[in-house]
Amino acid sequence: MGLSEYPASFVAAVAAAYIMSFSSVILPVVSVVVSSVTARFMLFIIDVVLLSILIFGRYNLWSILRSVVFSSCIIIIIRATS
């Protein structure tokens, strides 16, 4: 099971901490190898997929699509405000 049985505020806090820590560790390493724009796009995709699995913990197609959209919104909001 994913985190879907926990309160929404807890899930949001975990998601925010996860995204920020993951991105701050990986982004400097990746951007040395490739351009910054490409690195950010790659990280965005990785964040979306991992966060989707982390939160929802389900693997059927509809749940993954729904969670990818949801996770994308969270990531866009956090990245836009940081």
N, C-alpha and C. Protein backbone atom coordinates (compact mmCIF):
# COMPACT_ATOMS: atom_id res chain seq x y z
N MET A 1 0.83 -1.20 0.00
CA MET A 1 0.00 0.00 0.00
C MET A 1 0.87 1.25 0.00
N GLY A 2 0.31 2.31 -0.57
CA GLY A 2 1.00 3.59 -0.57
C GLY A 2 0.63 4.39 0.67
N LEU A 3 0.71 5.70 0.53
CA LEU A 3 0.40 6.58 1.65
C LEU A 3 -1.06 7.02 1.64
N SER A 4 -1.87 6.41 0.79
CA SER A 4 -3.24 6.90 0.61
C SER A 4 -4.10 6.73 1.85
N GLU A 5 -3.65 5.89 2.82
CA GLU A 5 -4.45 5.74 4.04
C GLU A 5 -4.11 6.78 5.11
N TYR A 6 -3.11 7.64 4.83
CA TYR A 6 -2.74 8.68 5.77
C TYR A 6 -3.50 9.97 5.48
N PRO A 7 -3.56 10.89 6.46
CA PRO A 7 -4.22 12.19 6.21
C PRO A 7 -3.55 12.95 5.09
N ALA A 8 -4.33 13.76 4.40
CA ALA A 8 -3.82 14.48 3.23
C ALA A 8 -2.69 15.43 3.59
N SER A 9 -2.76 16.05 4.76
CA SER A 9 -1.70 16.99 5.14
C SER A 9 -0.37 16.27 5.35
N PHE A 10 -0.44 15.07 5.90
CA PHE A 10 0.77 14.27 6.08
C PHE A 10 1.37 13.88 4.73
N VAL A 11 0.51 13.46 3.83
CA VAL A 11 0.96 13.08 2.48
C VAL A 11 1.61 14.28 1.79
N ALA A 12 1.00 15.45 1.90
CA ALA A 12 1.54 16.65 1.27
C ALA A 12 2.90 17.01 1.85
N ALA A 13 3.05 16.88 3.17
CA ALA A 13 4.33 17.19 3.81
C ALA A 13 5.42 16.23 3.37
N VAL A 14 5.08 14.94 3.32
CA VAL A 14 6.05 13.94 2.87
C VAL A 14 6.43 14.18 1.42
N ALA A 15 5.42 14.50 0.59
CA ALA A 15 5.68 14.74 -0.83
C ALA A 15 6.61 15.94 -1.02
N ALA A 16 6.36 17.00 -0.28
CA ALA A 16 7.19 18.21 -0.41
C ALA A 16 8.63 17.92 0.02
N ALA A 17 8.78 17.22 1.15
CA ALA A 17 10.12 16.90 1.64
C ALA A 17 10.85 15.98 0.66
N TYR A 18 10.12 15.02 0.13
CA TYR A 18 10.71 14.07 -0.82
C TYR A 18 11.20 14.78 -2.08
N ILE A 19 10.34 15.63 -2.64
CA ILE A 19 10.70 16.31 -3.89
C ILE A 19 11.91 17.21 -3.67
N MET A 20 11.90 17.99 -2.59
CA MET A 20 12.97 18.94 -2.37
C MET A 20 14.30 18.24 -2.12
N SER A 21 14.27 17.18 -1.31
CA SER A 21 15.53 16.49 -1.01
C SER A 21 16.05 15.76 -2.24
N PHE A 22 15.16 15.10 -2.96
CA PHE A 22 15.57 14.35 -4.15
C PHE A 22 16.16 15.29 -5.20
N SER A 23 15.46 16.39 -5.45
CA SER A 23 15.90 17.32 -6.49
C SER A 23 17.19 18.03 -6.11
N SER A 24 17.32 18.39 -4.84
CA SER A 24 18.52 19.14 -4.44
C SER A 24 19.76 18.26 -4.45
N VAL A 25 19.60 16.97 -4.28
CA VAL A 25 20.75 16.07 -4.32
C VAL A 25 21.12 15.71 -5.76
N ILE A 26 20.12 15.41 -6.58
CA ILE A 26 20.38 14.87 -7.92
C ILE A 26 20.66 15.98 -8.94
N LEU A 27 19.96 17.09 -8.83
CA LEU A 27 20.06 18.12 -9.88
C LEU A 27 21.48 18.62 -10.13
N PRO A 28 22.28 18.94 -9.09
CA PRO A 28 23.64 19.41 -9.38
C PRO A 28 24.48 18.37 -10.12
N VAL A 29 24.30 17.10 -9.78
CA VAL A 29 25.07 16.04 -10.43
C VAL A 29 24.66 15.91 -11.89
N VAL A 30 23.34 15.89 -12.14
CA VAL A 30 22.86 15.69 -13.50
C VAL A 30 23.20 16.89 -14.38
N SER A 31 23.10 18.10 -13.84
CA SER A 31 23.31 19.28 -14.68
C SER A 31 24.77 19.47 -15.06
N VAL A 32 25.68 18.78 -14.38
CA VAL A 32 27.08 18.79 -14.83
C VAL A 32 27.19 18.03 -16.15
N VAL A 33 26.43 16.96 -16.26
CA VAL A 33 26.53 16.08 -17.43
C VAL A 33 25.75 16.64 -18.61
N VAL A 34 24.56 17.11 -18.37
CA VAL A 34 23.71 17.61 -19.46
C VAL A 34 23.31 19.05 -19.16
N SER A 35 22.64 19.67 -20.11
CA SER A 35 22.23 21.06 -19.92
C SER A 35 21.21 21.17 -18.79
N SER A 36 21.11 22.35 -18.23
CA SER A 36 20.23 22.57 -17.08
C SER A 36 18.77 22.31 -17.42
N VAL A 37 18.36 22.73 -18.61
CA VAL A 37 16.96 22.54 -19.01
C VAL A 37 16.63 21.06 -19.13
N THR A 38 17.52 20.32 -19.78
CA THR A 38 17.31 18.88 -19.92
C THR A 38 17.31 18.19 -18.57
N ALA A 39 18.22 18.60 -17.70
CA ALA A 39 18.30 18.01 -16.37
C ALA A 39 17.01 18.24 -15.59
N ARG A 40 16.50 19.46 -15.66
CA ARG A 40 15.27 19.76 -14.93
C ARG A 40 14.09 18.97 -15.50
N PHE A 41 14.05 18.82 -16.80
CA PHE A 41 12.97 18.05 -17.41
C PHE A 41 13.05 16.58 -17.01
N MET A 42 14.27 16.02 -17.04
CA MET A 42 14.45 14.63 -16.64
C MET A 42 14.06 14.43 -15.18
N LEU A 43 14.47 15.36 -14.33
CA LEU A 43 14.12 15.27 -12.91
C LEU A 43 12.63 15.40 -12.70
N PHE A 44 11.99 16.24 -13.48
CA PHE A 44 10.55 16.39 -13.39
C PHE A 44 9.86 15.05 -13.66
N ILE A 45 10.27 14.36 -14.73
CA ILE A 45 9.68 13.07 -15.07
C ILE A 45 9.95 12.05 -13.97
N ILE A 46 11.20 12.01 -13.49
CA ILE A 46 11.55 11.05 -12.43
C ILE A 46 10.74 11.33 -11.17
N ASP A 47 10.66 12.62 -10.79
CA ASP A 47 9.89 13.00 -9.60
C ASP A 47 8.44 12.58 -9.73
N VAL A 48 7.85 12.83 -10.89
CA VAL A 48 6.44 12.50 -11.10
C VAL A 48 6.21 10.99 -10.93
N VAL A 49 7.04 10.20 -11.58
CA VAL A 49 6.84 8.75 -11.52
C VAL A 49 7.06 8.22 -10.11
N LEU A 50 8.17 8.62 -9.47
CA LEU A 50 8.46 8.10 -8.13
C LEU A 50 7.45 8.59 -7.11
N LEU A 51 7.06 9.85 -7.22
CA LEU A 51 6.08 10.39 -6.28
C LEU A 51 4.73 9.71 -6.45
N SER A 52 4.37 9.42 -7.70
CA SER A 52 3.11 8.72 -7.96
C SER A 52 3.10 7.36 -7.28
N ILE A 53 4.19 6.62 -7.44
CA ILE A 53 4.27 5.30 -6.81
C ILE A 53 4.31 5.43 -5.30
N LEU A 54 5.07 6.44 -4.80
CA LEU A 54 5.21 6.65 -3.37
C LEU A 54 3.86 6.92 -2.72
N ILE A 55 3.07 7.82 -3.31
CA ILE A 55 1.81 8.21 -2.70
C ILE A 55 0.74 7.15 -2.89
N PHE A 56 0.60 6.65 -4.11
CA PHE A 56 -0.56 5.80 -4.39
C PHE A 56 -0.25 4.31 -4.31
N GLY A 57 0.98 3.94 -4.57
CA GLY A 57 1.40 2.56 -4.41
C GLY A 57 0.58 1.55 -5.21
N ARG A 58 0.01 1.98 -6.30
CA ARG A 58 -0.79 1.08 -7.12
C ARG A 58 -0.19 1.05 -8.52
N TYR A 59 -0.46 -0.02 -9.22
CA TYR A 59 0.21 -0.20 -10.51
C TYR A 59 -0.74 -0.37 -11.69
N ASN A 60 -2.07 -0.29 -11.47
CA ASN A 60 -2.93 -0.38 -12.66
C ASN A 60 -2.92 0.97 -13.39
N LEU A 61 -3.24 0.94 -14.67
CA LEU A 61 -3.01 2.09 -15.55
C LEU A 61 -3.81 3.32 -15.13
N TRP A 62 -5.08 3.15 -14.78
CA TRP A 62 -5.91 4.30 -14.42
C TRP A 62 -5.36 5.00 -13.17
N SER A 63 -4.97 4.23 -12.17
CA SER A 63 -4.43 4.84 -10.95
C SER A 63 -3.13 5.56 -11.22
N ILE A 64 -2.28 4.97 -12.06
CA ILE A 64 -1.01 5.62 -12.38
C ILE A 64 -1.24 6.93 -13.12
N LEU A 65 -2.14 6.93 -14.10
CA LEU A 65 -2.43 8.15 -14.85
C LEU A 65 -2.98 9.24 -13.93
N ARG A 66 -3.93 8.84 -13.07
CA ARG A 66 -4.53 9.81 -12.16
C ARG A 66 -3.48 10.36 -11.19
N SER A 67 -2.62 9.50 -10.68
CA SER A 67 -1.62 9.95 -9.72
C SER A 67 -0.52 10.78 -10.39
N VAL A 68 -0.22 10.49 -11.66
CA VAL A 68 0.77 11.31 -12.38
C VAL A 68 0.25 12.73 -12.54
N VAL A 69 -1.01 12.88 -12.88
CA VAL A 69 -1.59 14.23 -13.02
C VAL A 69 -1.55 14.95 -11.67
N PHE A 70 -1.96 14.25 -10.62
CA PHE A 70 -1.96 14.83 -9.28
C PHE A 70 -0.55 15.22 -8.85
N SER A 71 0.40 14.33 -9.05
CA SER A 71 1.78 14.58 -8.65
C SER A 71 2.39 15.72 -9.46
N SER A 72 2.04 15.80 -10.75
CA SER A 72 2.54 16.89 -11.58
C SER A 72 2.11 18.23 -11.03
N CYS A 73 0.86 18.31 -10.60
CA CYS A 73 0.35 19.56 -10.03
C CYS A 73 1.13 19.94 -8.78
N ILE A 74 1.37 18.97 -7.89
CA ILE A 74 2.13 19.24 -6.66
C ILE A 74 3.53 19.74 -7.01
N ILE A 75 4.19 19.05 -7.94
CA ILE A 75 5.56 19.40 -8.29
C ILE A 75 5.63 20.78 -8.93
N ILE A 76 4.68 21.08 -9.81
CA ILE A 76 4.67 22.40 -10.47
C ILE A 76 4.48 23.50 -9.44
N ILE A 77 3.57 23.28 -8.49
CA ILE A 77 3.32 24.30 -7.46
C ILE A 77 4.56 24.51 -6.60
N ILE A 78 5.19 23.40 -6.17
CA ILE A 78 6.36 23.52 -5.29
C ILE A 78 7.52 24.15 -6.04
N ARG A 79 7.77 23.75 -7.27
CA ARG A 79 8.88 24.31 -8.03
C ARG A 79 8.63 25.78 -8.36
N ALA A 80 7.36 26.14 -8.60
CA ALA A 80 7.05 27.53 -8.95
C ALA A 80 7.25 28.46 -7.75
N THR A 81 7.00 27.94 -6.55
CA THR A 81 7.10 28.79 -5.36
C THR A 81 8.47 28.75 -4.72
N SER A 82 9.36 27.88 -5.18
CA SER A 82 10.68 27.79 -4.54
C SER A 82 11.71 28.65 -5.27
